[in-house]
Amino acid sequence: MNEFNWTCPFCQNAQTVSDNKYAEILQQLYVGENKHGLVVQRLFAIGCSNPKCKDVSIVSEIGIGSRRPNGNLKFDDAISTHRLRPDSFAKPLPGFVPKPITEDYTEACKIRDLSPKASATLSRRCLQGMIRDFCGISKSRLIDEIRELRVQAVTGKAASGVTLESVEAIDSVREVGNIGAHMEKDIDVIVDVDPNEAQALIELIEMLIDEWYVAREVRNARLAKVKAIADEKKQLKNNTGETPQTEGG
């Protein structure tokens, strides 16, 4: 096996996978004559090299195969892929992200391929929850919440990290999510959402979690560190009655 680059879905640690961290089972499924030809199953597992994680990812693929000149099976093209562990590509979200938002995001990831329209609807609800929690805007309709958020972004009154560009992107998610949330007036009109489009909405959620929640947490941690230093110096001054000397005066 040739080494390859891989990112662990459990810890998000990028690493190079070598032979001792990769296992694969390839077998023919004897189903007689069929439209696919030689049907094979590939089951492979990858062990994480991160000492703080060491988890195992397992994937099962059903696909079309062939025989090598030496007679060994070869996996050529996947018909279907099933993630056994973890059961989706959802990234682990920090504990300071509200649980309902984490649950909607995780579920949207799980059903991205099975039902892209339902995934888009969950992404829509996830973003609505983020607007209500992070931005403090709660109205009866998502479209009204987005309008208020847009006004705040334009006037500079929005929460830190909220930009007009992100508001426009959220509004696009609302429109796509509406496909699954509401029946078209003409029930004969079928508006589809493919997995790639559903994935784009999921990636927007991930981006905003970084720009909103993670950035706020990092900012608060840095401010708290500075305040702790100031408090320590102040306490030292009170104890000694002298002004503590610091570099730079």
C-alpha atoms as a PDB file:
ATOM      1  CA  MET A   1       0.000   0.000   0.000  1.00  0.00           C
ATOM      2  CA  ASN A   2       1.203   3.484  -0.837  1.00  0.00           C
ATOM      3  CA  GLU A   3       1.104   5.992   2.013  1.00  0.00           C
ATOM      4  CA  PHE A   4      -1.577   8.680   1.704  1.00  0.00           C
ATOM      5  CA  ASN A   5      -2.680  11.828   3.496  1.00  0.00           C
ATOM      6  CA  TRP A   6      -5.816  11.605   5.628  1.00  0.00           C
ATOM      7  CA  THR A   7      -7.670  13.646   8.241  1.00  0.00           C
ATOM      8  CA  CYS A   8      -9.193  11.782  11.170  1.00  0.00           C
ATOM      9  CA  PRO A   9     -12.956  12.482  11.364  1.00  0.00           C
ATOM     10  CA  PHE A  10     -12.863  12.138  15.150  1.00  0.00           C
ATOM     11  CA  CYS A  11     -10.073  14.578  16.079  1.00  0.00           C
ATOM     12  CA  GLN A  12      -9.555  16.425  12.756  1.00  0.00           C
ATOM     13  CA  ASN A  13      -5.815  15.678  12.956  1.00  0.00           C
ATOM     14  CA  ALA A  14      -4.124  15.617   9.532  1.00  0.00           C
ATOM     15  CA  GLN A  15      -1.676  12.726   9.139  1.00  0.00           C
ATOM     16  CA  THR A  16      -0.013  10.301   6.755  1.00  0.00           C
ATOM     17  CA  VAL A  17      -1.461   6.779   6.797  1.00  0.00           C
ATOM     18  CA  SER A  18       1.033   3.928   6.549  1.00  0.00           C
ATOM     19  CA  ASP A  19       0.641   0.152   6.288  1.00  0.00           C
ATOM     20  CA  ASN A  20       0.401  -0.480  10.006  1.00  0.00           C
ATOM     21  CA  LYS A  21      -2.548   1.931  10.307  1.00  0.00           C
ATOM     22  CA  TYR A  22      -4.577   0.625   7.361  1.00  0.00           C
ATOM     23  CA  ALA A  23      -6.467  -2.647   6.904  1.00  0.00           C
ATOM     24  CA  GLU A  24      -8.597  -3.733   3.933  1.00  0.00           C
ATOM     25  CA  ILE A  25     -10.766  -6.717   3.071  1.00  0.00           C
ATOM     26  CA  LEU A  26     -11.842  -7.216  -0.553  1.00  0.00           C
ATOM     27  CA  GLN A  27     -14.239 -10.001  -1.559  1.00  0.00           C
ATOM     28  CA  GLN A  28     -16.453 -10.911  -4.500  1.00  0.00           C
ATOM     29  CA  LEU A  29     -20.206 -11.053  -3.969  1.00  0.00           C
ATOM     30  CA  TYR A  30     -21.449 -14.007  -6.012  1.00  0.00           C
ATOM     31  CA  VAL A  31     -24.873 -12.867  -7.272  1.00  0.00           C
ATOM     32  CA  GLY A  32     -24.872 -14.435 -10.729  1.00  0.00           C
ATOM     33  CA  GLU A  33     -25.422 -12.454 -13.913  1.00  0.00           C
ATOM     34  CA  ASN A  34     -26.265  -8.800 -13.237  1.00  0.00           C
ATOM     35  CA  LYS A  35     -26.017  -5.392 -14.870  1.00  0.00           C
ATOM     36  CA  HIS A  36     -22.896  -4.423 -12.909  1.00  0.00           C
ATOM     37  CA  GLY A  37     -20.719  -7.374 -13.773  1.00  0.00           C
ATOM     38  CA  LEU A  38     -18.294  -8.472 -11.078  1.00  0.00           C
ATOM     39  CA  VAL A  39     -19.715  -7.113  -7.787  1.00  0.00           C
ATOM     40  CA  VAL A  40     -17.277  -6.729  -4.909  1.00  0.00           C
ATOM     41  CA  GLN A  41     -17.304  -5.436  -1.365  1.00  0.00           C
ATOM     42  CA  ARG A  42     -14.428  -3.468   0.096  1.00  0.00           C
ATOM     43  CA  LEU A  43     -14.209  -3.001   3.856  1.00  0.00           C
ATOM     44  CA  PHE A  44     -11.378  -0.822   5.088  1.00  0.00           C
ATOM     45  CA  ALA A  45     -10.329   0.638   8.412  1.00  0.00           C
ATOM     46  CA  ILE A  46      -7.893   3.405   9.325  1.00  0.00           C
ATOM     47  CA  GLY A  47      -6.411   3.871  12.773  1.00  0.00           C
ATOM     48  CA  CYS A  48      -5.695   7.408  13.960  1.00  0.00           C
ATOM     49  CA  SER A  49      -2.053   8.089  14.827  1.00  0.00           C
ATOM     50  CA  ASN A  50      -2.876  10.973  17.148  1.00  0.00           C
ATOM     51  CA  PRO A  51      -1.979   9.669  20.658  1.00  0.00           C
ATOM     52  CA  LYS A  52      -4.825  11.749  22.123  1.00  0.00           C
ATOM     53  CA  CYS A  53      -7.374  10.082  19.826  1.00  0.00           C
ATOM     54  CA  LYS A  54      -6.344   6.616  18.531  1.00  0.00           C
ATOM     55  CA  ASP A  55      -9.877   5.995  17.223  1.00  0.00           C
ATOM     56  CA  VAL A  56     -10.714   3.787  14.251  1.00  0.00           C
ATOM     57  CA  SER A  57     -12.629   4.801  11.123  1.00  0.00           C
ATOM     58  CA  ILE A  58     -14.411   2.029   9.188  1.00  0.00           C
ATOM     59  CA  VAL A  59     -16.009   2.284   5.728  1.00  0.00           C
ATOM     60  CA  SER A  60     -17.821  -0.323   3.626  1.00  0.00           C
ATOM     61  CA  GLU A  61     -18.121   0.060  -0.151  1.00  0.00           C
ATOM     62  CA  ILE A  62     -20.078  -2.009  -2.672  1.00  0.00           C
ATOM     63  CA  GLY A  63     -18.760  -1.616  -6.173  1.00  0.00           C
ATOM     64  CA  ILE A  64     -17.659  -2.971  -9.527  1.00  0.00           C
ATOM     65  CA  GLY A  65     -14.456  -4.957  -9.626  1.00  0.00           C
ATOM     66  CA  SER A  66     -12.173  -6.831 -11.956  1.00  0.00           C
ATOM     67  CA  ARG A  67      -9.360  -9.353 -11.849  1.00  0.00           C
ATOM     68  CA  ARG A  68      -5.699  -8.461 -12.000  1.00  0.00           C
ATOM     69  CA  PRO A  69      -3.372 -10.536 -14.253  1.00  0.00           C
ATOM     70  CA  ASN A  70      -2.373 -12.555 -11.192  1.00  0.00           C
ATOM     71  CA  GLY A  71      -6.034 -13.328 -10.461  1.00  0.00           C
ATOM     72  CA  ASN A  72      -6.393 -11.069  -7.430  1.00  0.00           C
ATOM     73  CA  LEU A  73      -9.509  -8.920  -7.061  1.00  0.00           C
ATOM     74  CA  LYS A  74      -9.363  -5.243  -7.918  1.00  0.00           C
ATOM     75  CA  PHE A  75     -11.890  -2.591  -6.760  1.00  0.00           C
ATOM     76  CA  ASP A  76     -12.654  -0.316  -9.727  1.00  0.00           C
ATOM     77  CA  ASP A  77     -15.689   1.852  -8.977  1.00  0.00           C
ATOM     78  CA  ALA A  78     -18.030   2.309  -6.012  1.00  0.00           C
ATOM     79  CA  ILE A  79     -21.785   1.808  -6.392  1.00  0.00           C
ATOM     80  CA  SER A  80     -22.567   2.746  -2.801  1.00  0.00           C
ATOM     81  CA  THR A  81     -20.560   3.808   0.233  1.00  0.00           C
ATOM     82  CA  HIS A  82     -21.524   3.287   3.851  1.00  0.00           C
ATOM     83  CA  ARG A  83     -19.710   4.935   6.723  1.00  0.00           C
ATOM     84  CA  LEU A  84     -19.786   2.518   9.618  1.00  0.00           C
ATOM     85  CA  ARG A  85     -17.635   4.476  12.040  1.00  0.00           C
ATOM     86  CA  PRO A  86     -18.199   7.347  12.405  1.00  0.00           C
ATOM     87  CA  ASP A  87     -21.579   7.243  10.680  1.00  0.00           C
ATOM     88  CA  SER A  88     -21.146  10.662   9.043  1.00  0.00           C
ATOM     89  CA  PHE A  89     -18.465  13.202   8.144  1.00  0.00           C
ATOM     90  CA  ALA A  90     -19.725  15.685  10.765  1.00  0.00           C
ATOM     91  CA  LYS A  91     -16.914  17.512  12.514  1.00  0.00           C
ATOM     92  CA  PRO A  92     -16.877  17.432  16.320  1.00  0.00           C
ATOM     93  CA  LEU A  93     -18.152  20.807  17.515  1.00  0.00           C
ATOM     94  CA  PRO A  94     -16.854  22.513  20.678  1.00  0.00           C
ATOM     95  CA  GLY A  95     -18.886  22.079  23.850  1.00  0.00           C
ATOM     96  CA  PHE A  96     -19.714  25.796  23.999  1.00  0.00           C
ATOM     97  CA  VAL A  97     -21.882  25.478  20.853  1.00  0.00           C
ATOM     98  CA  PRO A  98     -25.510  24.976  22.038  1.00  0.00           C
ATOM     99  CA  LYS A  99     -26.657  21.358  21.955  1.00  0.00           C
ATOM    100  CA  PRO A 100     -29.694  21.895  19.620  1.00  0.00           C
ATOM    101  CA  ILE A 101     -27.405  23.514  17.033  1.00  0.00           C
ATOM    102  CA  THR A 102     -24.896  20.675  17.307  1.00  0.00           C
ATOM    103  CA  GLU A 103     -27.673  18.091  16.936  1.00  0.00           C
ATOM    104  CA  ASP A 104     -29.171  19.727  13.824  1.00  0.00           C
ATOM    105  CA  TYR A 105     -25.725  20.075  12.230  1.00  0.00           C
ATOM    106  CA  THR A 106     -24.828  16.447  12.968  1.00  0.00           C
ATOM    107  CA  GLU A 107     -28.143  15.172  11.597  1.00  0.00           C
ATOM    108  CA  ALA A 108     -27.778  17.300   8.443  1.00  0.00           C
ATOM    109  CA  CYS A 109     -24.408  15.642   7.847  1.00  0.00           C
ATOM    110  CA  LYS A 110     -25.770  12.135   8.436  1.00  0.00           C
ATOM    111  CA  ILE A 111     -28.528  12.398   5.846  1.00  0.00           C
ATOM    112  CA  ARG A 112     -26.706  14.511   3.251  1.00  0.00           C
ATOM    113  CA  ASP A 113     -26.505  11.644   0.753  1.00  0.00           C
ATOM    114  CA  LEU A 114     -29.681   9.817   1.783  1.00  0.00           C
ATOM    115  CA  SER A 115     -31.926  12.901   1.576  1.00  0.00           C
ATOM    116  CA  PRO A 116     -30.226  16.141   0.474  1.00  0.00           C
ATOM    117  CA  LYS A 117     -33.505  18.096   0.718  1.00  0.00           C
ATOM    118  CA  ALA A 118     -34.005  17.038   4.326  1.00  0.00           C
ATOM    119  CA  SER A 119     -30.358  17.865   5.025  1.00  0.00           C
ATOM    120  CA  ALA A 120     -30.866  21.359   3.583  1.00  0.00           C
ATOM    121  CA  THR A 121     -33.943  21.823   5.773  1.00  0.00           C
ATOM    122  CA  LEU A 122     -31.955  20.898   8.873  1.00  0.00           C
ATOM    123  CA  SER A 123     -29.189  23.287   7.835  1.00  0.00           C
ATOM    124  CA  ARG A 124     -31.816  26.005   7.549  1.00  0.00           C
ATOM    125  CA  ARG A 125     -33.070  25.277  11.078  1.00  0.00           C
ATOM    126  CA  CYS A 126     -29.521  25.102  12.388  1.00  0.00           C
ATOM    127  CA  LEU A 127     -28.732  28.573  11.062  1.00  0.00           C
ATOM    128  CA  GLN A 128     -31.966  29.932  12.504  1.00  0.00           C
ATOM    129  CA  GLY A 129     -30.902  28.594  15.890  1.00  0.00           C
ATOM    130  CA  MET A 130     -27.532  30.319  15.499  1.00  0.00           C
ATOM    131  CA  ILE A 131     -29.202  33.639  14.695  1.00  0.00           C
ATOM    132  CA  ARG A 132     -31.395  33.371  17.776  1.00  0.00           C
ATOM    133  CA  ASP A 133     -28.632  32.233  20.124  1.00  0.00           C
ATOM    134  CA  PHE A 134     -25.555  34.128  18.912  1.00  0.00           C
ATOM    135  CA  CYS A 135     -27.191  37.240  17.457  1.00  0.00           C
ATOM    136  CA  GLY A 136     -30.072  37.500  19.930  1.00  0.00           C
ATOM    137  CA  ILE A 137     -32.703  37.917  17.198  1.00  0.00           C
ATOM    138  CA  SER A 138     -35.930  35.945  17.525  1.00  0.00           C
ATOM    139  CA  LYS A 139     -39.003  36.513  15.372  1.00  0.00           C
ATOM    140  CA  SER A 140     -41.852  34.330  14.121  1.00  0.00           C
ATOM    141  CA  ARG A 141     -40.293  33.821  10.675  1.00  0.00           C
ATOM    142  CA  LEU A 142     -36.716  33.183   9.615  1.00  0.00           C
ATOM    143  CA  ILE A 143     -36.981  35.701   6.796  1.00  0.00           C
ATOM    144  CA  ASP A 144     -37.808  38.436   9.332  1.00  0.00           C
ATOM    145  CA  GLU A 145     -34.856  37.418  11.510  1.00  0.00           C
ATOM    146  CA  ILE A 146     -32.537  37.629   8.508  1.00  0.00           C
ATOM    147  CA  ARG A 147     -33.895  41.066   7.587  1.00  0.00           C
ATOM    148  CA  GLU A 148     -33.176  42.316  11.109  1.00  0.00           C
ATOM    149  CA  LEU A 149     -29.703  40.757  11.017  1.00  0.00           C
ATOM    150  CA  ARG A 150     -29.029  42.446   7.677  1.00  0.00           C
ATOM    151  CA  VAL A 151     -29.980  45.843   9.133  1.00  0.00           C
ATOM    152  CA  GLN A 152     -27.665  45.254  12.095  1.00  0.00           C
ATOM    153  CA  ALA A 153     -24.803  44.226   9.792  1.00  0.00           C
ATOM    154  CA  VAL A 154     -25.239  47.340   7.615  1.00  0.00           C
ATOM    155  CA  THR A 155     -25.446  49.708  10.609  1.00  0.00           C
ATOM    156  CA  GLY A 156     -22.558  48.054  12.461  1.00  0.00           C
ATOM    157  CA  LYS A 157     -24.757  46.852  15.317  1.00  0.00           C
ATOM    158  CA  ALA A 158     -24.479  43.121  14.615  1.00  0.00           C
ATOM    159  CA  ALA A 159     -22.686  40.723  16.961  1.00  0.00           C
ATOM    160  CA  SER A 160     -18.925  40.435  16.491  1.00  0.00           C
ATOM    161  CA  GLY A 161     -18.043  38.297  13.464  1.00  0.00           C
ATOM    162  CA  VAL A 162     -21.331  38.862  11.620  1.00  0.00           C
ATOM    163  CA  THR A 163     -20.748  40.326   8.153  1.00  0.00           C
ATOM    164  CA  LEU A 164     -23.122  41.365   5.401  1.00  0.00           C
ATOM    165  CA  GLU A 165     -21.649  38.614   3.207  1.00  0.00           C
ATOM    166  CA  SER A 166     -22.494  35.960   5.795  1.00  0.00           C
ATOM    167  CA  VAL A 167     -26.045  37.327   6.114  1.00  0.00           C
ATOM    168  CA  GLU A 168     -26.527  37.037   2.346  1.00  0.00           C
ATOM    169  CA  ALA A 169     -25.235  33.460   2.473  1.00  0.00           C
ATOM    170  CA  ILE A 170     -27.649  32.611   5.293  1.00  0.00           C
ATOM    171  CA  ASP A 171     -30.523  34.003   3.229  1.00  0.00           C
ATOM    172  CA  SER A 172     -29.483  31.703   0.376  1.00  0.00           C
ATOM    173  CA  VAL A 173     -29.657  28.741   2.768  1.00  0.00           C
ATOM    174  CA  ARG A 174     -33.154  29.829   3.787  1.00  0.00           C
ATOM    175  CA  GLU A 175     -34.253  29.731   0.161  1.00  0.00           C
ATOM    176  CA  VAL A 176     -32.717  26.316  -0.479  1.00  0.00           C
ATOM    177  CA  GLY A 177     -34.038  24.977   2.834  1.00  0.00           C
ATOM    178  CA  ASN A 178     -37.516  26.138   1.908  1.00  0.00           C
ATOM    179  CA  ILE A 179     -37.514  23.512  -0.841  1.00  0.00           C
ATOM    180  CA  GLY A 180     -37.731  20.830   1.787  1.00  0.00           C
ATOM    181  CA  ALA A 181     -39.679  22.800   4.383  1.00  0.00           C
ATOM    182  CA  HIS A 182     -42.579  23.895   2.182  1.00  0.00           C
ATOM    183  CA  MET A 183     -44.525  22.179  -0.601  1.00  0.00           C
ATOM    184  CA  GLU A 184     -44.467  24.002  -3.921  1.00  0.00           C
ATOM    185  CA  LYS A 185     -47.773  25.581  -4.921  1.00  0.00           C
ATOM    186  CA  ASP A 186     -47.699  23.423  -8.029  1.00  0.00           C
ATOM    187  CA  ILE A 187     -47.137  19.914  -6.628  1.00  0.00           C
ATOM    188  CA  ASP A 188     -46.059  18.742 -10.094  1.00  0.00           C
ATOM    189  CA  VAL A 189     -42.995  21.018  -9.885  1.00  0.00           C
ATOM    190  CA  ILE A 190     -40.087  19.032  -8.457  1.00  0.00           C
ATOM    191  CA  VAL A 191     -37.169  21.131  -7.197  1.00  0.00           C
ATOM    192  CA  ASP A 192     -34.271  18.906  -6.253  1.00  0.00           C
ATOM    193  CA  VAL A 193     -31.225  19.419  -4.054  1.00  0.00           C
ATOM    194  CA  ASP A 194     -28.171  17.303  -4.740  1.00  0.00           C
ATOM    195  CA  PRO A 195     -25.627  16.147  -2.103  1.00  0.00           C
ATOM    196  CA  ASN A 196     -23.034  18.686  -3.254  1.00  0.00           C
ATOM    197  CA  GLU A 197     -25.492  21.540  -2.728  1.00  0.00           C
ATOM    198  CA  ALA A 198     -26.434  20.176   0.702  1.00  0.00           C
ATOM    199  CA  GLN A 199     -22.722  19.940   1.525  1.00  0.00           C
ATOM    200  CA  ALA A 200     -22.224  23.614   0.630  1.00  0.00           C
ATOM    201  CA  LEU A 201     -24.844  24.555   3.238  1.00  0.00           C
ATOM    202  CA  ILE A 202     -23.155  22.349   5.834  1.00  0.00           C
ATOM    203  CA  GLU A 203     -19.809  24.009   5.118  1.00  0.00           C
ATOM    204  CA  LEU A 204     -21.421  27.422   5.666  1.00  0.00           C
ATOM    205  CA  ILE A 205     -22.534  26.279   9.126  1.00  0.00           C
ATOM    206  CA  GLU A 206     -19.002  25.104   9.897  1.00  0.00           C
ATOM    207  CA  MET A 207     -17.559  28.414   8.725  1.00  0.00           C
ATOM    208  CA  LEU A 208     -19.959  30.502  10.822  1.00  0.00           C
ATOM    209  CA  ILE A 209     -19.344  28.358  13.908  1.00  0.00           C
ATOM    210  CA  ASP A 210     -15.646  29.188  13.512  1.00  0.00           C
ATOM    211  CA  GLU A 211     -16.249  32.882  12.788  1.00  0.00           C
ATOM    212  CA  TRP A 212     -18.877  33.340  15.493  1.00  0.00           C
ATOM    213  CA  TYR A 213     -18.626  30.874  18.371  1.00  0.00           C
ATOM    214  CA  VAL A 214     -14.980  29.826  18.196  1.00  0.00           C
ATOM    215  CA  ALA A 215     -13.715  33.368  17.514  1.00  0.00           C
ATOM    216  CA  ARG A 216     -15.764  34.699  20.457  1.00  0.00           C
ATOM    217  CA  GLU A 217     -14.398  31.999  22.749  1.00  0.00           C
ATOM    218  CA  VAL A 218     -10.810  32.713  21.697  1.00  0.00           C
ATOM    219  CA  ARG A 219     -11.350  36.461  22.142  1.00  0.00           C
ATOM    220  CA  ASN A 220     -12.878  36.021  25.592  1.00  0.00           C
ATOM    221  CA  ALA A 221     -10.037  33.708  26.626  1.00  0.00           C
ATOM    222  CA  ARG A 222      -7.414  36.238  25.561  1.00  0.00           C
ATOM    223  CA  LEU A 223      -9.196  39.073  27.339  1.00  0.00           C
ATOM    224  CA  ALA A 224      -9.549  36.959  30.467  1.00  0.00           C
ATOM    225  CA  LYS A 225      -5.807  36.194  30.364  1.00  0.00           C
ATOM    226  CA  VAL A 226      -4.941  39.904  30.178  1.00  0.00           C
ATOM    227  CA  LYS A 227      -7.350  40.680  33.007  1.00  0.00           C
ATOM    228  CA  ALA A 228      -5.841  37.896  35.131  1.00  0.00           C
ATOM    229  CA  ILE A 229      -2.366  39.391  34.634  1.00  0.00           C
ATOM    230  CA  ALA A 230      -3.633  42.844  35.605  1.00  0.00           C
ATOM    231  CA  ASP A 231      -5.388  41.462  38.682  1.00  0.00           C
ATOM    232  CA  GLU A 232      -2.204  39.628  39.728  1.00  0.00           C
ATOM    233  CA  LYS A 233      -0.126  42.796  39.406  1.00  0.00           C
ATOM    234  CA  LYS A 234      -2.733  44.756  41.317  1.00  0.00           C
ATOM    235  CA  GLN A 235      -2.731  42.186  44.126  1.00  0.00           C
ATOM    236  CA  LEU A 236       1.059  42.259  44.235  1.00  0.00           C
ATOM    237  CA  LYS A 237       0.994  46.033  44.529  1.00  0.00           C
ATOM    238  CA  ASN A 238      -1.533  45.868  47.372  1.00  0.00           C
ATOM    239  CA  ASN A 239       0.585  43.292  49.224  1.00  0.00           C
ATOM    240  CA  THR A 240       3.908  45.122  48.887  1.00  0.00           C
ATOM    241  CA  GLY A 241       2.743  48.695  48.802  1.00  0.00           C
ATOM    242  CA  GLU A 242       4.991  49.225  45.820  1.00  0.00           C
ATOM    243  CA  THR A 243       4.331  49.490  42.121  1.00  0.00           C
ATOM    244  CA  PRO A 244       5.498  46.268  40.414  1.00  0.00           C
ATOM    245  CA  GLN A 245       8.169  46.793  37.768  1.00  0.00           C
ATOM    246  CA  THR A 246       7.400  45.543  34.295  1.00  0.00           C
ATOM    247  CA  GLU A 247       9.418  45.592  31.122  1.00  0.00           C
ATOM    248  CA  GLY A 248       8.931  48.738  29.103  1.00  0.00           C
ATOM    249  CA  GLY A 249       7.984  50.848  32.154  1.00  0.00           C
END
